[in-house]
Amino acid sequence: QLQLVESGGGLVQPGGSLRLSCVASGFTLDYYTIGWFRQAPGKEREGISCISSSGGTLYAEAVKGRFTISRDNAKNTVYLQMDSLKLEDTAVYYCWTFSTSAYWGQGTQVTVSS
Protein backbone atom coordinates (compact mmCIF):
# COMPACT_ATOMS: atom_id res chain seq x y z
CA GLN A 1 0.00 0.00 0.00
CA LEU A 2 1.35 3.39 -1.00
CA GLN A 3 2.18 5.50 2.06
CA LEU A 4 3.93 8.78 2.83
CA VAL A 5 5.27 9.67 6.27
CA GLU A 6 6.53 13.15 7.13
CA SER A 7 8.89 14.05 9.95
CA GLY A 8 11.20 16.83 11.02
CA GLY A 9 8.77 19.46 12.16
CA GLY A 10 9.14 21.37 15.39
CA LEU A 11 9.44 24.72 17.07
CA VAL A 12 11.99 27.17 15.69
CA GLN A 13 12.71 30.85 16.08
CA PRO A 14 12.33 33.29 13.20
CA GLY A 15 15.36 33.09 10.96
CA GLY A 16 16.00 29.49 11.89
CA SER A 17 16.01 26.34 9.79
CA LEU A 18 14.34 22.96 9.69
CA ARG A 19 14.57 20.02 7.33
CA LEU A 20 11.43 18.02 6.69
CA SER A 21 11.54 14.46 5.40
CA CYS A 22 8.92 12.55 3.47
CA VAL A 23 9.56 8.81 3.40
CA ALA A 24 7.67 6.73 0.88
CA SER A 25 6.69 3.12 1.30
CA GLY A 26 4.80 0.73 -0.92
CA PHE A 27 6.15 2.31 -4.08
CA THR A 28 9.40 3.48 -5.63
CA LEU A 29 9.55 7.21 -5.27
CA ASP A 30 11.86 7.61 -8.29
CA TYR A 31 9.02 7.58 -10.78
CA TYR A 32 6.70 10.06 -9.10
CA THR A 33 6.33 13.76 -8.66
CA ILE A 34 6.31 14.59 -4.95
CA GLY A 35 4.87 17.80 -3.59
CA TRP A 36 4.93 19.66 -0.30
CA PHE A 37 1.84 21.49 0.87
CA ARG A 38 1.08 23.37 4.05
CA GLN A 39 -2.01 24.44 5.92
CA ALA A 40 -1.99 27.23 8.44
CA PRO A 41 -4.78 27.60 11.03
CA GLY A 42 -7.89 29.02 9.42
CA LYS A 43 -6.41 28.90 5.94
CA GLU A 44 -6.67 26.60 2.95
CA ARG A 45 -4.00 24.07 2.13
CA GLU A 46 -1.49 25.54 -0.29
CA GLY A 47 1.15 23.99 -2.50
CA ILE A 48 4.64 25.27 -1.81
CA SER A 49 7.03 23.06 -3.75
CA CYS A 50 7.29 19.96 -5.88
CA ILE A 51 9.96 17.83 -7.50
CA SER A 52 9.43 15.74 -10.58
CA SER A 53 10.79 12.28 -11.30
CA SER A 54 13.46 13.91 -13.46
CA GLY A 55 14.47 16.29 -10.68
CA GLY A 56 12.77 19.43 -11.91
CA THR A 57 11.59 21.69 -9.10
CA LEU A 58 8.96 24.36 -8.58
CA TYR A 59 8.42 26.75 -5.68
CA ALA A 60 5.66 29.05 -4.58
CA GLU A 61 6.63 32.69 -4.46
CA ALA A 62 6.20 32.74 -0.68
CA VAL A 63 9.07 30.28 -0.18
CA LYS A 64 11.26 30.81 -3.24
CA GLY A 65 14.87 31.44 -2.27
CA ARG A 66 14.33 30.14 1.27
CA PHE A 67 13.15 26.55 0.79
CA THR A 68 14.87 23.80 -1.17
CA ILE A 69 13.28 20.53 -2.21
CA SER A 70 15.43 17.50 -2.98
CA ARG A 71 15.14 13.77 -3.27
CA ASP A 72 17.27 10.80 -2.30
CA ASN A 73 15.98 7.91 -4.35
CA ALA A 74 18.22 5.43 -2.56
CA LYS A 75 16.41 6.30 0.67
CA ASN A 76 13.04 6.68 -1.01
CA THR A 77 12.84 10.09 0.63
CA VAL A 78 12.09 13.66 -0.38
CA TYR A 79 13.36 16.52 1.75
CA LEU A 80 12.29 20.10 2.24
CA GLN A 81 15.09 22.28 3.60
CA MET A 82 13.54 25.38 5.11
CA ASP A 83 15.83 28.32 5.87
CA SER A 84 15.18 31.88 7.00
CA LEU A 85 11.90 30.79 8.52
CA LYS A 86 9.25 33.42 9.16
CA LEU A 87 6.31 33.57 11.53
CA GLU A 88 3.99 33.08 8.58
CA ASP A 89 5.59 29.72 7.77
CA THR A 90 3.82 28.24 10.78
CA ALA A 91 1.60 25.45 9.49
CA VAL A 92 1.14 21.72 9.21
CA TYR A 93 3.27 20.50 6.32
CA TYR A 94 2.17 17.59 4.16
CA CYS A 95 3.78 15.66 1.37
CA TRP A 96 1.74 14.44 -1.56
CA THR A 97 1.92 12.31 -4.62
CA PHE A 98 -0.44 11.07 -7.26
CA SER A 99 -0.83 7.65 -8.77
CA THR A 100 -4.33 6.53 -9.69
CA SER A 101 -5.42 8.88 -6.91
CA ALA A 102 -3.87 11.42 -4.58
CA TYR A 103 -1.91 10.26 -1.54
CA TRP A 104 -1.14 12.43 1.47
CA GLY A 105 1.01 11.96 4.51
CA GLN A 106 -0.30 12.63 8.01
CA GLY A 107 1.48 15.97 8.27
CA THR A 108 4.15 17.45 10.52
CA GLN A 109 3.73 20.63 12.54
CA VAL A 110 6.11 23.52 11.99
CA THR A 111 5.86 26.39 14.44
CA VAL A 112 7.92 29.53 14.00
CA SER A 113 7.82 31.64 17.12
CA SER A 114 10.04 33.86 19.20
C-alpha atoms as a PDB file:
ATOM      1  CA  GLN A   1       0.000   0.000   0.000  1.00  0.00           C
ATOM      2  CA  LEU A   2       1.348   3.391  -0.996  1.00  0.00           C
ATOM      3  CA  GLN A   3       2.177   5.495   2.058  1.00  0.00           C
ATOM      4  CA  LEU A   4       3.933   8.780   2.828  1.00  0.00           C
ATOM      5  CA  VAL A   5       5.266   9.675   6.265  1.00  0.00           C
ATOM      6  CA  GLU A   6       6.528  13.152   7.134  1.00  0.00           C
ATOM      7  CA  SER A   7       8.890  14.051   9.950  1.00  0.00           C
ATOM      8  CA  GLY A   8      11.200  16.830  11.017  1.00  0.00           C
ATOM      9  CA  GLY A   9       8.769  19.460  12.156  1.00  0.00           C
ATOM     10  CA  GLY A  10       9.144  21.372  15.387  1.00  0.00           C
ATOM     11  CA  LEU A  11       9.445  24.724  17.074  1.00  0.00           C
ATOM     12  CA  VAL A  12      11.993  27.167  15.688  1.00  0.00           C
ATOM     13  CA  GLN A  13      12.712  30.855  16.084  1.00  0.00           C
ATOM     14  CA  PRO A  14      12.331  33.293  13.199  1.00  0.00           C
ATOM     15  CA  GLY A  15      15.362  33.095  10.955  1.00  0.00           C
ATOM     16  CA  GLY A  16      16.002  29.492  11.895  1.00  0.00           C
ATOM     17  CA  SER A  17      16.011  26.342   9.795  1.00  0.00           C
ATOM     18  CA  LEU A  18      14.335  22.957   9.687  1.00  0.00           C
ATOM     19  CA  ARG A  19      14.566  20.015   7.333  1.00  0.00           C
ATOM     20  CA  LEU A  20      11.435  18.020   6.694  1.00  0.00           C
ATOM     21  CA  SER A  21      11.538  14.464   5.400  1.00  0.00           C
ATOM     22  CA  CYS A  22       8.919  12.546   3.469  1.00  0.00           C
ATOM     23  CA  VAL A  23       9.563   8.806   3.404  1.00  0.00           C
ATOM     24  CA  ALA A  24       7.669   6.732   0.876  1.00  0.00           C
ATOM     25  CA  SER A  25       6.693   3.117   1.299  1.00  0.00           C
ATOM     26  CA  GLY A  26       4.801   0.733  -0.916  1.00  0.00           C
ATOM     27  CA  PHE A  27       6.153   2.315  -4.079  1.00  0.00           C
ATOM     28  CA  THR A  28       9.397   3.481  -5.634  1.00  0.00           C
ATOM     29  CA  LEU A  29       9.553   7.207  -5.274  1.00  0.00           C
ATOM     30  CA  ASP A  30      11.864   7.613  -8.286  1.00  0.00           C
ATOM     31  CA  TYR A  31       9.021   7.583 -10.779  1.00  0.00           C
ATOM     32  CA  TYR A  32       6.699  10.055  -9.105  1.00  0.00           C
ATOM     33  CA  THR A  33       6.330  13.760  -8.658  1.00  0.00           C
ATOM     34  CA  ILE A  34       6.307  14.588  -4.948  1.00  0.00           C
ATOM     35  CA  GLY A  35       4.869  17.799  -3.588  1.00  0.00           C
ATOM     36  CA  TRP A  36       4.932  19.658  -0.303  1.00  0.00           C
ATOM     37  CA  PHE A  37       1.840  21.493   0.867  1.00  0.00           C
ATOM     38  CA  ARG A  38       1.080  23.366   4.050  1.00  0.00           C
ATOM     39  CA  GLN A  39      -2.013  24.437   5.916  1.00  0.00           C
ATOM     40  CA  ALA A  40      -1.994  27.225   8.445  1.00  0.00           C
ATOM     41  CA  PRO A  41      -4.779  27.604  11.031  1.00  0.00           C
ATOM     42  CA  GLY A  42      -7.892  29.015   9.416  1.00  0.00           C
ATOM     43  CA  LYS A  43      -6.405  28.897   5.938  1.00  0.00           C
ATOM     44  CA  GLU A  44      -6.674  26.597   2.953  1.00  0.00           C
ATOM     45  CA  ARG A  45      -4.001  24.073   2.133  1.00  0.00           C
ATOM     46  CA  GLU A  46      -1.492  25.542  -0.289  1.00  0.00           C
ATOM     47  CA  GLY A  47       1.148  23.987  -2.505  1.00  0.00           C
ATOM     48  CA  ILE A  48       4.642  25.266  -1.813  1.00  0.00           C
ATOM     49  CA  SER A  49       7.029  23.058  -3.748  1.00  0.00           C
ATOM     50  CA  CYS A  50       7.294  19.956  -5.878  1.00  0.00           C
ATOM     51  CA  ILE A  51       9.957  17.832  -7.498  1.00  0.00           C
ATOM     52  CA  SER A  52       9.429  15.738 -10.584  1.00  0.00           C
ATOM     53  CA  SER A  53      10.792  12.284 -11.302  1.00  0.00           C
ATOM     54  CA  SER A  54      13.462  13.906 -13.457  1.00  0.00           C
ATOM     55  CA  GLY A  55      14.470  16.289 -10.676  1.00  0.00           C
ATOM     56  CA  GLY A  56      12.767  19.427 -11.906  1.00  0.00           C
ATOM     57  CA  THR A  57      11.586  21.693  -9.102  1.00  0.00           C
ATOM     58  CA  LEU A  58       8.959  24.357  -8.581  1.00  0.00           C
ATOM     59  CA  TYR A  59       8.416  26.748  -5.680  1.00  0.00           C
ATOM     60  CA  ALA A  60       5.658  29.045  -4.578  1.00  0.00           C
ATOM     61  CA  GLU A  61       6.633  32.693  -4.464  1.00  0.00           C
ATOM     62  CA  ALA A  62       6.196  32.736  -0.685  1.00  0.00           C
ATOM     63  CA  VAL A  63       9.066  30.280  -0.184  1.00  0.00           C
ATOM     64  CA  LYS A  64      11.256  30.814  -3.237  1.00  0.00           C
ATOM     65  CA  GLY A  65      14.867  31.445  -2.268  1.00  0.00           C
ATOM     66  CA  ARG A  66      14.329  30.141   1.273  1.00  0.00           C
ATOM     67  CA  PHE A  67      13.148  26.546   0.794  1.00  0.00           C
ATOM     68  CA  THR A  68      14.874  23.803  -1.167  1.00  0.00           C
ATOM     69  CA  ILE A  69      13.283  20.531  -2.206  1.00  0.00           C
ATOM     70  CA  SER A  70      15.427  17.504  -2.975  1.00  0.00           C
ATOM     71  CA  ARG A  71      15.139  13.766  -3.267  1.00  0.00           C
ATOM     72  CA  ASP A  72      17.269  10.804  -2.301  1.00  0.00           C
ATOM     73  CA  ASN A  73      15.981   7.906  -4.348  1.00  0.00           C
ATOM     74  CA  ALA A  74      18.225   5.427  -2.560  1.00  0.00           C
ATOM     75  CA  LYS A  75      16.410   6.299   0.671  1.00  0.00           C
ATOM     76  CA  ASN A  76      13.043   6.680  -1.014  1.00  0.00           C
ATOM     77  CA  THR A  77      12.845  10.087   0.626  1.00  0.00           C
ATOM     78  CA  VAL A  78      12.092  13.660  -0.379  1.00  0.00           C
ATOM     79  CA  TYR A  79      13.358  16.521   1.749  1.00  0.00           C
ATOM     80  CA  LEU A  80      12.292  20.101   2.237  1.00  0.00           C
ATOM     81  CA  GLN A  81      15.089  22.275   3.597  1.00  0.00           C
ATOM     82  CA  MET A  82      13.544  25.379   5.105  1.00  0.00           C
ATOM     83  CA  ASP A  83      15.828  28.320   5.871  1.00  0.00           C
ATOM     84  CA  SER A  84      15.177  31.882   7.005  1.00  0.00           C
ATOM     85  CA  LEU A  85      11.898  30.792   8.516  1.00  0.00           C
ATOM     86  CA  LYS A  86       9.250  33.417   9.158  1.00  0.00           C
ATOM     87  CA  LEU A  87       6.308  33.571  11.533  1.00  0.00           C
ATOM     88  CA  GLU A  88       3.986  33.077   8.583  1.00  0.00           C
ATOM     89  CA  ASP A  89       5.594  29.721   7.771  1.00  0.00           C
ATOM     90  CA  THR A  90       3.824  28.245  10.784  1.00  0.00           C
ATOM     91  CA  ALA A  91       1.602  25.450   9.487  1.00  0.00           C
ATOM     92  CA  VAL A  92       1.142  21.721   9.214  1.00  0.00           C
ATOM     93  CA  TYR A  93       3.268  20.497   6.324  1.00  0.00           C
ATOM     94  CA  TYR A  94       2.172  17.592   4.158  1.00  0.00           C
ATOM     95  CA  CYS A  95       3.784  15.665   1.371  1.00  0.00           C
ATOM     96  CA  TRP A  96       1.739  14.437  -1.560  1.00  0.00           C
ATOM     97  CA  THR A  97       1.924  12.306  -4.621  1.00  0.00           C
ATOM     98  CA  PHE A  98      -0.439  11.073  -7.262  1.00  0.00           C
ATOM     99  CA  SER A  99      -0.834   7.651  -8.773  1.00  0.00           C
ATOM    100  CA  THR A 100      -4.329   6.532  -9.685  1.00  0.00           C
ATOM    101  CA  SER A 101      -5.424   8.876  -6.909  1.00  0.00           C
ATOM    102  CA  ALA A 102      -3.867  11.419  -4.578  1.00  0.00           C
ATOM    103  CA  TYR A 103      -1.911  10.263  -1.542  1.00  0.00           C
ATOM    104  CA  TRP A 104      -1.140  12.425   1.471  1.00  0.00           C
ATOM    105  CA  GLY A 105       1.009  11.964   4.511  1.00  0.00           C
ATOM    106  CA  GLN A 106      -0.295  12.635   8.012  1.00  0.00           C
ATOM    107  CA  GLY A 107       1.484  15.971   8.267  1.00  0.00           C
ATOM    108  CA  THR A 108       4.148  17.445  10.524  1.00  0.00           C
ATOM    109  CA  GLN A 109       3.731  20.634  12.544  1.00  0.00           C
ATOM    110  CA  VAL A 110       6.114  23.515  11.990  1.00  0.00           C
ATOM    111  CA  THR A 111       5.864  26.392  14.442  1.00  0.00           C
ATOM    112  CA  VAL A 112       7.922  29.533  13.995  1.00  0.00           C
ATOM    113  CA  SER A 113       7.824  31.636  17.122  1.00  0.00           C
ATOM    114  CA  SER A 114      10.041  33.858  19.199  1.00  0.00           C
END
